Protein backbone atom coordinates (compact mmCIF):
# COMPACT_ATOMS: atom_id res chain seq x y z
CA MET A 1 88.02 99.09 113.01
CA ALA A 2 89.01 95.75 111.40
CA ARG A 3 87.06 93.22 109.20
CA LEU A 4 87.92 89.72 110.97
CA LEU A 5 87.01 86.55 109.13
CA VAL A 6 86.92 83.57 111.59
CA THR A 7 86.77 80.17 110.56
CA GLY A 8 85.12 77.66 112.88
CA GLY A 9 83.58 80.50 114.61
CA ALA A 10 80.52 78.59 115.57
CA GLY A 11 82.50 75.93 117.33
CA PHE A 12 83.80 76.07 120.81
CA ILE A 13 86.78 78.02 120.78
CA GLY A 14 86.01 80.04 117.82
CA SER A 15 82.60 81.02 119.22
CA ASN A 16 84.34 82.35 122.53
CA PHE A 17 86.85 84.21 120.52
CA VAL A 18 84.06 85.99 118.50
CA HIS A 19 82.27 86.99 121.72
CA HIS A 20 85.56 88.28 123.01
CA VAL A 21 86.24 90.54 119.90
CA ILE A 22 82.56 91.78 120.10
CA GLU A 23 82.58 92.75 123.61
CA ASN A 24 86.16 94.30 123.52
CA THR A 25 86.79 95.79 120.32
CA ASP A 26 84.85 97.63 117.44
CA HIS A 27 85.80 95.06 114.90
CA THR A 28 83.11 93.40 112.65
CA VAL A 29 83.47 89.67 112.26
CA THR A 30 82.30 87.17 109.61
CA VAL A 31 82.12 83.60 110.83
CA LEU A 32 82.79 80.81 108.18
CA ASP A 33 81.47 77.59 109.50
CA LYS A 34 80.26 74.34 107.91
CA LEU A 35 77.99 73.69 110.85
CA THR A 36 78.99 70.02 111.34
CA TYR A 37 77.76 68.26 114.83
CA ALA A 38 80.45 70.50 116.33
CA GLY A 39 79.31 73.96 115.24
CA ASN A 40 76.13 75.64 116.71
CA ARG A 41 74.32 78.56 115.79
CA ALA A 42 73.23 78.99 119.19
CA SER A 43 76.74 79.80 120.14
CA LEU A 44 76.47 82.98 118.52
CA ALA A 45 72.99 83.96 119.80
CA GLY A 46 72.74 87.54 121.04
CA LEU A 47 75.50 88.93 119.18
CA PRO A 48 74.74 92.22 117.20
CA GLU A 49 73.61 91.47 113.62
CA ASP A 50 75.30 94.56 112.27
CA ARG A 51 78.63 93.41 113.42
CA VAL A 52 78.49 89.52 113.26
CA GLU A 53 77.53 87.77 109.94
CA LEU A 54 77.46 83.89 109.60
CA VAL A 55 78.50 82.34 106.37
CA VAL A 56 77.70 78.55 106.13
CA GLY A 57 80.28 76.98 104.10
CA ASP A 58 83.63 74.90 103.84
CA VAL A 59 87.13 76.16 104.34
CA ALA A 60 88.06 73.72 101.48
CA ASP A 61 85.64 75.76 99.01
CA ALA A 62 88.38 77.81 97.20
CA PRO A 63 85.93 80.26 95.48
CA LEU A 64 83.94 81.00 98.52
CA VAL A 65 87.34 81.52 100.66
CA ASN A 66 88.78 83.51 97.92
CA ASP A 67 85.74 85.88 98.01
CA LEU A 68 85.80 86.09 101.88
CA PHE A 69 89.40 86.87 101.89
CA SER A 70 89.14 89.67 99.37
CA ARG A 71 86.71 91.39 102.01
CA HIS A 72 88.55 90.97 105.24
CA ASP A 73 91.59 92.43 106.93
CA ALA A 74 92.59 89.38 108.85
CA VAL A 75 91.77 85.91 109.49
CA VAL A 76 91.66 83.64 112.61
CA HIS A 77 91.38 80.06 111.47
CA TYR A 78 89.69 77.66 114.06
CA ALA A 79 88.09 75.38 111.74
CA ALA A 80 89.16 71.80 112.09
CA GLU A 81 88.00 68.21 112.63
CA SER A 82 89.27 67.71 116.20
CA HIS A 83 88.25 64.53 117.64
CA ASN A 84 90.95 61.67 118.15
CA ASP A 85 88.57 58.89 118.25
CA ASN A 86 86.64 59.98 115.29
CA SER A 87 89.94 60.30 113.15
CA LEU A 88 90.59 56.73 113.94
CA ASP A 89 86.91 55.73 112.72
CA ASN A 90 87.31 57.80 109.49
CA PRO A 91 90.48 59.78 108.80
CA HIS A 92 89.05 61.40 105.58
CA PRO A 93 87.32 64.43 106.80
CA PHE A 94 90.49 65.06 108.83
CA LEU A 95 92.52 65.35 105.56
CA LYS A 96 89.94 67.27 103.78
CA THR A 97 89.31 70.02 106.60
CA ASN A 98 92.70 70.10 108.24
CA VAL A 99 95.16 69.98 105.16
CA ILE A 100 93.23 70.78 102.19
CA GLY A 101 91.20 73.57 103.95
CA THR A 102 94.31 74.99 105.48
CA TYR A 103 95.99 74.98 102.02
CA THR A 104 92.99 76.67 100.56
CA LEU A 105 93.23 79.46 103.13
CA LEU A 106 96.85 79.91 102.83
CA GLU A 107 96.76 80.13 99.12
CA ALA A 108 93.88 83.03 99.73
CA ALA A 109 96.03 84.69 102.07
CA ARG A 110 98.92 84.55 99.74
CA GLN A 111 96.65 86.03 96.79
CA HIS A 112 95.00 88.81 98.76
CA ASP A 113 97.87 89.59 101.21
CA VAL A 114 95.87 88.86 104.28
CA ARG A 115 97.06 88.28 107.69
CA LEU A 116 96.28 84.74 108.90
CA HIS A 117 96.49 83.27 112.42
CA HIS A 118 96.39 79.31 112.51
CA ILE A 119 95.19 77.66 115.58
CA SER A 120 96.85 74.23 116.09
CA THR A 121 97.29 72.00 118.97
CA ASP A 122 99.93 70.63 121.33
CA GLU A 123 98.98 67.10 120.11
CA VAL A 124 101.44 67.80 117.17
CA TYR A 125 104.37 67.17 119.71
CA GLY A 126 103.35 63.74 120.78
CA ASP A 127 102.56 62.22 124.26
CA LEU A 128 104.32 62.61 127.48
CA GLU A 129 103.94 60.51 130.60
CA LEU A 130 102.06 62.21 133.29
CA ASP A 131 105.33 62.45 135.63
CA ASP A 132 107.82 63.03 132.77
CA PRO A 133 109.84 66.02 133.74
CA GLN A 134 110.11 67.06 130.08
CA ARG A 135 107.90 69.79 128.76
CA PHE A 136 106.83 70.72 125.34
CA THR A 137 108.23 74.14 123.94
CA GLU A 138 107.65 75.75 120.62
CA THR A 139 111.09 74.07 119.40
CA THR A 140 110.02 70.75 120.32
CA ALA A 141 110.16 68.18 117.33
CA TYR A 142 106.88 67.12 115.93
CA ASN A 143 105.77 63.57 116.84
CA PRO A 144 102.09 63.21 115.90
CA SER A 145 100.36 59.84 116.88
CA SER A 146 97.01 59.86 115.28
CA PRO A 147 95.29 60.76 112.06
CA TYR A 148 94.09 64.09 113.94
CA SER A 149 97.33 65.37 115.30
CA SER A 150 98.98 64.23 112.11
CA THR A 151 96.69 66.33 109.67
CA LYS A 152 97.20 69.05 112.51
CA ALA A 153 101.04 68.71 112.04
CA ALA A 154 100.75 68.69 108.32
CA SER A 155 98.59 71.90 108.38
CA ASP A 156 101.23 73.53 110.66
CA MET A 157 104.03 72.58 108.37
CA LEU A 158 101.94 74.18 105.49
CA VAL A 159 101.76 77.41 107.14
CA ARG A 160 105.37 77.42 107.93
CA ALA A 161 106.19 76.76 104.35
CA TRP A 162 103.93 79.25 103.00
CA VAL A 163 105.46 81.91 105.43
CA ARG A 164 109.00 81.11 104.18
CA SER A 165 108.40 80.30 100.47
CA PHE A 166 105.88 83.01 99.66
CA GLY A 167 105.98 85.73 102.31
CA VAL A 168 102.55 85.09 103.72
CA ARG A 169 101.79 86.80 106.89
CA ALA A 170 100.89 84.02 109.27
CA THR A 171 101.41 82.81 112.82
CA ILE A 172 100.63 79.56 114.82
CA SER A 173 99.56 79.01 118.35
CA ASN A 174 99.54 75.39 119.69
CA CYS A 175 96.68 75.12 122.33
CA SER A 176 96.31 72.74 125.02
CA ASN A 177 93.25 71.18 127.11
CA ASN A 178 90.95 74.09 126.34
CA TYR A 179 87.58 74.04 128.27
CA GLY A 180 84.71 76.16 128.77
CA PRO A 181 81.30 77.53 127.48
CA TYR A 182 79.98 76.39 124.24
CA GLN A 183 82.33 73.20 124.33
CA HIS A 184 81.02 70.02 122.72
CA VAL A 185 80.10 67.17 125.09
CA GLU A 186 82.36 64.91 123.19
CA LYS A 187 85.43 66.69 124.74
CA PHE A 188 87.11 65.02 127.71
CA ILE A 189 86.08 67.50 130.61
CA PRO A 190 82.56 67.94 129.63
CA ARG A 191 82.09 64.20 129.19
CA GLN A 192 83.49 63.44 132.20
CA ILE A 193 81.41 65.98 134.16
CA THR A 194 78.36 64.76 132.37
CA ASN A 195 79.07 61.21 133.24
CA VAL A 196 79.48 61.96 137.08
CA ILE A 197 76.11 63.88 136.69
CA ARG A 198 74.30 60.93 135.20
CA GLY A 199 75.95 58.36 137.62
CA ILE A 200 78.23 56.96 134.91
CA ARG A 201 81.86 56.00 135.88
CA PRO A 202 84.11 58.51 134.31
CA LYS A 203 86.31 56.96 131.30
CA LEU A 204 89.88 56.61 132.38
CA TYR A 205 92.89 56.48 129.88
CA GLY A 206 95.88 54.26 130.59
CA ALA A 207 96.28 53.73 134.42
CA GLY A 208 94.08 56.82 135.17
């Protein structure tokens, strides 16, 4: 049995991961979530209280993060500001959570020698045209194009640097077009579906 810390575990992907862990392992989970608009206590409803604990807090809060790392065996880092349009309106929360927050976790992982998995995005690689035969791979050069994707690229680079410079045990996954239960309605697929249900024309990007 392992003690897992899941940042952003009340959000869309994080909460699905927590449900998966509880249903398929005997691990215990502590969720660290700031409960911004994208986090929801209801996404964790029904999970056993003796195996899941919710801590409301910020990944950029170093004393809190250090305390939690000292009591866990591994950390899965989902917490992020993740909406491109919001990053254009106000980049500052993206810098604080995605860059400073990831730095804070890396320093705690370094201090306590805790295994860290960092969840990133395919948007760090830039854009491809719909009919472009090229495909992104793990070796594609980074080419972020928004405040959101640039802060995620920066956090990825921090993870790589802390692995090489300090021997932190960390890995990265670059997710693409996730959808499913507990997803916030602001995201592309649920927004299109709810627009159709409400009789609103779906939003098209570019030429559609």
